[in-house]
PDB file of N, CA and C in Angstrom:
ATOM      1  N   MET A   1     165.394 113.608  92.903  1.00  0.00           N
ATOM      2  CA  MET A   1     165.117 112.471  92.859  1.00  0.00           C
ATOM      3  C   MET A   1     163.829 113.612  91.725  1.00  0.00           C
ATOM      4  N   ASP A   2     163.281 113.888  90.497  1.00  0.00           N
ATOM      5  CA  ASP A   2     162.435 113.574  89.881  1.00  0.00           C
ATOM      6  C   ASP A   2     160.950 113.346  90.121  1.00  0.00           C
ATOM      7  N   ALA A   3     160.162 115.077  90.015  1.00  0.00           N
ATOM      8  CA  ALA A   3     159.631 114.936  90.261  1.00  0.00           C
ATOM      9  C   ALA A   3     158.771 114.463  91.319  1.00  0.00           C
ATOM     10  N   PRO A   4     159.112 114.744  92.410  1.00  0.00           N
ATOM     11  CA  PRO A   4     159.123 114.556  93.814  1.00  0.00           C
ATOM     12  C   PRO A   4     156.716 113.967  93.833  1.00  0.00           C
ATOM     13  N   THR A   5     156.581 113.425  94.296  1.00  0.00           N
ATOM     14  CA  THR A   5     154.816 113.402  94.136  1.00  0.00           C
ATOM     15  C   THR A   5     154.510 112.946  96.053  1.00  0.00           C
ATOM     16  N   GLY A   6     155.890 112.936  97.039  1.00  0.00           N
ATOM     17  CA  GLY A   6     155.549 112.937  98.565  1.00  0.00           C
ATOM     18  C   GLY A   6     156.775 112.596  99.219  1.00  0.00           C
ATOM     19  N   VAL A   7     156.749 114.047 100.240  1.00  0.00           N
ATOM     20  CA  VAL A   7     158.368 113.712 101.245  1.00  0.00           C
ATOM     21  C   VAL A   7     157.644 113.776 102.237  1.00  0.00           C
ATOM     22  N   ARG A   8     158.481 112.885 102.784  1.00  0.00           N
ATOM     23  CA  ARG A   8     158.238 112.354 104.654  1.00  0.00           C
ATOM     24  C   ARG A   8     160.253 112.978 105.730  1.00  0.00           C
ATOM     25  N   VAL A   9     160.193 113.756 106.455  1.00  0.00           N
ATOM     26  CA  VAL A   9     160.878 113.203 107.134  1.00  0.00           C
ATOM     27  C   VAL A   9     161.098 112.046 108.392  1.00  0.00           C
ATOM     28  N   LEU A  10     162.445 111.453 107.837  1.00  0.00           N
ATOM     29  CA  LEU A  10     161.595 110.503 109.166  1.00  0.00           C
ATOM     30  C   LEU A  10     162.521 110.241 110.542  1.00  0.00           C
ATOM     31  N   ALA A  11     162.643 109.792 111.146  1.00  0.00           N
ATOM     32  CA  ALA A  11     163.676 109.202 112.697  1.00  0.00           C
ATOM     33  C   ALA A  11     165.065 109.279 111.668  1.00  0.00           C
ATOM     34  N   GLY A  12     166.121 110.133 112.653  1.00  0.00           N
ATOM     35  CA  GLY A  12     167.504 109.248 112.413  1.00  0.00           C
ATOM     36  C   GLY A  12     167.822 109.837 110.976  1.00  0.00           C
ATOM     37  N   GLY A  13     167.599 110.910 110.882  1.00  0.00           N
ATOM     38  CA  GLY A  13     167.628 112.285 109.943  1.00  0.00           C
ATOM     39  C   GLY A  13     167.205 111.050 108.580  1.00  0.00           C
ATOM     40  N   GLU A  14     166.541 110.251 108.043  1.00  0.00           N
ATOM     41  CA  GLU A  14     166.396 110.264 107.557  1.00  0.00           C
ATOM     42  C   GLU A  14     164.684 110.481 106.365  1.00  0.00           C
ATOM     43  N   ILE A  15     164.690 111.057 104.509  1.00  0.00           N
ATOM     44  CA  ILE A  15     164.213 111.514 103.466  1.00  0.00           C
ATOM     45  C   ILE A  15     163.311 110.194 103.146  1.00  0.00           C
ATOM     46  N   ALA A  16     162.433 109.990 102.831  1.00  0.00           N
ATOM     47  CA  ALA A  16     161.658 109.203 101.585  1.00  0.00           C
ATOM     48  C   ALA A  16     160.761 110.530 101.633  1.00  0.00           C
ATOM     49  N   VAL A  17     160.610 109.938  99.737  1.00  0.00           N
ATOM     50  CA  VAL A  17     160.805 110.507  98.088  1.00  0.00           C
ATOM     51  C   VAL A  17     160.467 109.907  97.617  1.00  0.00           C
ATOM     52  N   ALA A  18     159.205 110.424  97.461  1.00  0.00           N
ATOM     53  CA  ALA A  18     158.017 109.475  96.709  1.00  0.00           C
ATOM     54  C   ALA A  18     157.768 109.762  95.512  1.00  0.00           C
ATOM     55  N   SER A  19     157.984 109.212  94.216  1.00  0.00           N
ATOM     56  CA  SER A  19     157.829 109.410  92.546  1.00  0.00           C
ATOM     57  C   SER A  19     157.737 108.539  91.897  1.00  0.00           C
ATOM     58  N   VAL A  20     156.868 109.220  90.193  1.00  0.00           N
ATOM     59  CA  VAL A  20     156.281 108.046  89.440  1.00  0.00           C
ATOM     60  C   VAL A  20     157.737 108.384  88.164  1.00  0.00           C
ATOM     61  N   ALA A  21     158.839 109.577  88.697  1.00  0.00           N
ATOM     62  CA  ALA A  21     159.637 108.800  87.074  1.00  0.00           C
ATOM     63  C   ALA A  21     160.437 108.962  86.923  1.00  0.00           C
ATOM     64  N   ASN A  22     160.716 107.914  88.112  1.00  0.00           N
ATOM     65  CA  ASN A  22     162.083 107.124  88.351  1.00  0.00           C
ATOM     66  C   ASN A  22     161.610 104.852  88.522  1.00  0.00           C
ATOM     67  N   ALA A  23     162.555 104.724  88.487  1.00  0.00           N
ATOM     68  CA  ALA A  23     162.565 103.420  88.477  1.00  0.00           C
ATOM     69  C   ALA A  23     161.626 102.231  89.579  1.00  0.00           C
ATOM     70  N   ASN A  24     161.790 102.895  90.861  1.00  0.00           N
ATOM     71  CA  ASN A  24     161.798 102.875  92.032  1.00  0.00           C
ATOM     72  C   ASN A  24     160.426 103.858  92.747  1.00  0.00           C
ATOM     73  N   LEU A  25     159.416 103.724  92.950  1.00  0.00           N
ATOM     74  CA  LEU A  25     158.249 105.018  94.318  1.00  0.00           C
ATOM     75  C   LEU A  25     158.433 105.243  94.593  1.00  0.00           C
ATOM     76  N   ILE A  26     159.880 104.543  95.600  1.00  0.00           N
ATOM     77  CA  ILE A  26     159.776 105.644  96.986  1.00  0.00           C
ATOM     78  C   ILE A  26     161.258 105.578  97.265  1.00  0.00           C
ATOM     79  N   ALA A  27     162.381 106.427  96.762  1.00  0.00           N
ATOM     80  CA  ALA A  27     163.721 106.355  97.451  1.00  0.00           C
ATOM     81  C   ALA A  27     163.762 107.290  98.915  1.00  0.00           C
ATOM     82  N   VAL A  28     164.515 106.831  99.976  1.00  0.00           N
ATOM     83  CA  VAL A  28     164.941 107.392 101.042  1.00  0.00           C
ATOM     84  C   VAL A  28     166.279 107.521 101.152  1.00  0.00           C
ATOM     85  N   TYR A  29     166.579 108.582 101.337  1.00  0.00           N
ATOM     86  CA  TYR A  29     167.973 109.449 101.299  1.00  0.00           C
ATOM     87  C   TYR A  29     168.254 109.202 102.935  1.00  0.00           C
ATOM     88  N   ASP A  30     169.341 109.023 102.984  1.00  0.00           N
ATOM     89  CA  ASP A  30     170.330 109.329 105.141  1.00  0.00           C
ATOM     90  C   ASP A  30     171.201 110.805 104.465  1.00  0.00           C
ATOM     91  N   TYR A  31     171.524 111.243 104.929  1.00  0.00           N
ATOM     92  CA  TYR A  31     171.900 112.714 104.607  1.00  0.00           C
ATOM     93  C   TYR A  31     173.013 112.673 105.745  1.00  0.00           C
ATOM     94  N   ALA A  32     172.906 111.880 106.591  1.00  0.00           N
ATOM     95  CA  ALA A  32     174.305 111.682 107.757  1.00  0.00           C
ATOM     96  C   ALA A  32     175.380 111.267 106.890  1.00  0.00           C
ATOM     97  N   ARG A  33     174.664 109.930 106.013  1.00  0.00           N
ATOM     98  CA  ARG A  33     175.856 109.416 105.200  1.00  0.00           C
ATOM     99  C   ARG A  33     175.929 109.918 103.844  1.00  0.00           C
ATOM    100  N   GLN A  34     175.340 111.183 103.810  1.00  0.00           N
ATOM    101  CA  GLN A  34     175.213 111.611 102.503  1.00  0.00           C
ATOM    102  C   GLN A  34     174.702 111.198 100.686  1.00  0.00           C
ATOM    103  N   GLY A  35     174.022 110.083 101.559  1.00  0.00           N
ATOM    104  CA  GLY A  35     173.577 109.223 100.009  1.00  0.00           C
ATOM    105  C   GLY A  35     172.051 109.145  99.986  1.00  0.00           C
ATOM    106  N   ARG A  36     171.469 107.866  98.916  1.00  0.00           N
ATOM    107  CA  ARG A  36     170.791 106.711  99.423  1.00  0.00           C
ATOM    108  C   ARG A  36     170.808 105.338 100.364  1.00  0.00           C
ATOM    109  N   SER A  37     170.298 105.380 100.612  1.00  0.00           N
ATOM    110  CA  SER A  37     169.731 104.061 101.899  1.00  0.00           C
ATOM    111  C   SER A  37     169.018 102.814 101.071  1.00  0.00           C
ATOM    112  N   ALA A  38     168.574 103.460 100.595  1.00  0.00           N
ATOM    113  CA  ALA A  38     166.988 102.537  99.975  1.00  0.00           C
ATOM    114  C   ALA A  38     166.108 102.914  98.709  1.00  0.00           C
ATOM    115  N   ASN A  39     165.802 101.507  98.265  1.00  0.00           N
ATOM    116  CA  ASN A  39     164.570 101.824  97.158  1.00  0.00           C
ATOM    117  C   ASN A  39     163.522 101.564  96.961  1.00  0.00           C
ATOM    118  N   LEU A  40     162.493 101.873  97.548  1.00  0.00           N
ATOM    119  CA  LEU A  40     161.313 100.172  97.396  1.00  0.00           C
ATOM    120  C   LEU A  40     160.498 101.168  97.139  1.00  0.00           C
ATOM    121  N   GLY A  41     159.612  99.291  96.969  1.00  0.00           N
ATOM    122  CA  GLY A  41     158.406  99.444  95.291  1.00  0.00           C
ATOM    123  C   GLY A  41     158.600  99.902  93.694  1.00  0.00           C
ATOM    124  N   ASP A  42     158.083  99.170  92.518  1.00  0.00           N
ATOM    125  CA  ASP A  42     158.189  98.124  91.580  1.00  0.00           C
ATOM    126  C   ASP A  42     157.077  98.876  90.626  1.00  0.00           C
ATOM    127  N   LEU A  43     156.754 100.020  90.052  1.00  0.00           N
ATOM    128  CA  LEU A  43     156.305 100.402  88.380  1.00  0.00           C
ATOM    129  C   LEU A  43     155.176  98.793  88.366  1.00  0.00           C
ATOM    130  N   THR A  44     153.858  99.079  87.958  1.00  0.00           N
ATOM    131  CA  THR A  44     153.371  98.203  87.429  1.00  0.00           C
ATOM    132  C   THR A  44     152.184  98.111  86.415  1.00  0.00           C
ATOM    133  N   ASP A  45     152.151  97.249  84.510  1.00  0.00           N
ATOM    134  CA  ASP A  45     151.764  98.355  84.540  1.00  0.00           C
ATOM    135  C   ASP A  45     150.595  97.257  84.762  1.00  0.00           C
ATOM    136  N   LEU A  46     149.436  99.139  84.512  1.00  0.00           N
ATOM    137  CA  LEU A  46     148.583  98.436  84.652  1.00  0.00           C
ATOM    138  C   LEU A  46     147.337  98.297  83.555  1.00  0.00           C
ATOM    139  N   ALA A  47     147.985  99.797  82.848  1.00  0.00           N
ATOM    140  CA  ALA A  47     147.469  99.967  81.410  1.00  0.00           C
ATOM    141  C   ALA A  47     147.896  99.734  80.251  1.00  0.00           C
ATOM    142  N   GLU A  48     147.540 100.221  79.614  1.00  0.00           N
ATOM    143  CA  GLU A  48     148.709  99.399  78.453  1.00  0.00           C
ATOM    144  C   GLU A  48     148.971 101.078  77.006  1.00  0.00           C
ATOM    145  N   THR A  49     148.687 102.075  78.127  1.00  0.00           N
ATOM    146  CA  THR A  49     149.748 103.087  77.402  1.00  0.00           C
ATOM    147  C   THR A  49     151.009 103.787  78.574  1.00  0.00           C
ATOM    148  N   PRO A  50     151.821 104.890  78.592  1.00  0.00           N
ATOM    149  CA  PRO A  50     152.540 104.798  79.473  1.00  0.00           C
ATOM    150  C   PRO A  50     152.226 105.470  80.596  1.00  0.00           C
ATOM    151  N   ALA A  51     151.956 106.817  80.096  1.00  0.00           N
ATOM    152  CA  ALA A  51     150.837 107.656  80.462  1.00  0.00           C
ATOM    153  C   ALA A  51     149.879 107.540  81.851  1.00  0.00           C
ATOM    154  N   LEU A  52     149.595 106.392  81.513  1.00  0.00           N
ATOM    155  CA  LEU A  52     148.243 106.171  82.069  1.00  0.00           C
ATOM    156  C   LEU A  52     148.874 105.314  83.339  1.00  0.00           C
ATOM    157  N   ASN A  53     149.971 104.098  82.964  1.00  0.00           N
ATOM    158  CA  ASN A  53     150.987 104.451  84.155  1.00  0.00           C
ATOM    159  C   ASN A  53     151.157 104.557  85.850  1.00  0.00           C
ATOM    160  N   ARG A  54     152.091 105.910  84.795  1.00  0.00           N
ATOM    161  CA  ARG A  54     152.697 106.498  85.352  1.00  0.00           C
ATOM    162  C   ARG A  54     151.784 107.605  86.375  1.00  0.00           C
ATOM    163  N   PHE A  55     150.196 107.743  85.829  1.00  0.00           N
ATOM    164  CA  PHE A  55     149.474 107.760  86.629  1.00  0.00           C
ATOM    165  C   PHE A  55     148.416 106.663  87.443  1.00  0.00           C
ATOM    166  N   LEU A  56     148.762 106.002  87.206  1.00  0.00           N
ATOM    167  CA  LEU A  56     147.878 104.714  88.345  1.00  0.00           C
ATOM    168  C   LEU A  56     149.361 104.699  89.373  1.00  0.00           C
ATOM    169  N   ASN A  57     150.379 103.990  88.897  1.00  0.00           N
ATOM    170  CA  ASN A  57     150.917 104.076  89.361  1.00  0.00           C
ATOM    171  C   ASN A  57     151.989 105.341  91.575  1.00  0.00           C
ATOM    172  N   GLY A  58     151.163 105.966  90.717  1.00  0.00           N
ATOM    173  CA  GLY A  58     151.334 107.533  91.581  1.00  0.00           C
ATOM    174  C   GLY A  58     150.733 106.744  92.958  1.00  0.00           C
ATOM    175  N   GLY A  59     151.051 106.639  94.433  1.00  0.00           N
ATOM    176  CA  GLY A  59     149.396 107.255  95.360  1.00  0.00           C
ATOM    177  C   GLY A  59     150.451 107.701  96.294  1.00  0.00           C
ATOM    178  N   ARG A  60     149.835 108.551  97.490  1.00  0.00           N
ATOM    179  CA  ARG A  60     150.418 109.284  98.935  1.00  0.00           C
ATOM    180  C   ARG A  60     151.747 108.240  99.048  1.00  0.00           C
ATOM    181  N   LEU A  61     152.500 109.516  99.714  1.00  0.00           N
ATOM    182  CA  LEU A  61     153.428 108.920 101.417  1.00  0.00           C
ATOM    183  C   LEU A  61     153.109 109.297 102.584  1.00  0.00           C
ATOM    184  N   ALA A  62     153.343 108.044 102.899  1.00  0.00           N
ATOM    185  CA  ALA A  62     152.792 108.601 104.575  1.00  0.00           C
ATOM    186  C   ALA A  62     153.669 108.282 105.908  1.00  0.00           C
ATOM    187  N   ALA A  63     154.188 108.446 106.728  1.00  0.00           N
ATOM    188  CA  ALA A  63     155.458 108.366 107.573  1.00  0.00           C
ATOM    189  C   ALA A  63     154.735 107.489 109.150  1.00  0.00           C
ATOM    190  N   ASP A  64     154.578 106.882 109.676  1.00  0.00           N
ATOM    191  CA  ASP A  64     153.561 106.846 111.324  1.00  0.00           C
ATOM    192  C   ASP A  64     155.105 107.577 112.267  1.00  0.00           C
ATOM    193  N   THR A  65     154.770 107.576 113.211  1.00  0.00           N
ATOM    194  CA  THR A  65     155.675 108.098 114.981  1.00  0.00           C
ATOM    195  C   THR A  65     156.664 107.473 115.134  1.00  0.00           C
ATOM    196  N   ALA A  66     156.500 106.416 114.742  1.00  0.00           N
ATOM    197  CA  ALA A  66     158.071 104.997 114.215  1.00  0.00           C
ATOM    198  C   ALA A  66     158.565 104.848 113.131  1.00  0.00           C
ATOM    199  N   SER A  67     158.576 106.129 111.437  1.00  0.00           N
ATOM    200  CA  SER A  67     158.698 106.073 111.073  1.00  0.00           C
ATOM    201  C   SER A  67     158.339 104.545 110.143  1.00  0.00           C
ATOM    202  N   ASN A  68     157.769 104.443 110.297  1.00  0.00           N
ATOM    203  CA  ASN A  68     157.264 103.068 108.579  1.00  0.00           C
ATOM    204  C   ASN A  68     156.933 104.077 107.597  1.00  0.00           C
ATOM    205  N   ILE A  69     157.106 103.588 106.865  1.00  0.00           N
ATOM    206  CA  ILE A  69     156.563 104.172 105.552  1.00  0.00           C
ATOM    207  C   ILE A  69     155.047 103.296 104.986  1.00  0.00           C
TER     208      ILE A  69
END
């Protein structure tokens, strides 16, 4: 994952990583199975310039005690 903006450890050996440098906003990795288990969120065009779109699509990554992202 390039340029992570947030990382959260989830139950069951999964790690969620947020980044605006990839096609999806969040990737979930399952290190027990040695790979990516899910991609979440799509970038949205909010401005006319690509750099501003990347900035506006960035957000915070949070998870609760039940590992809900």
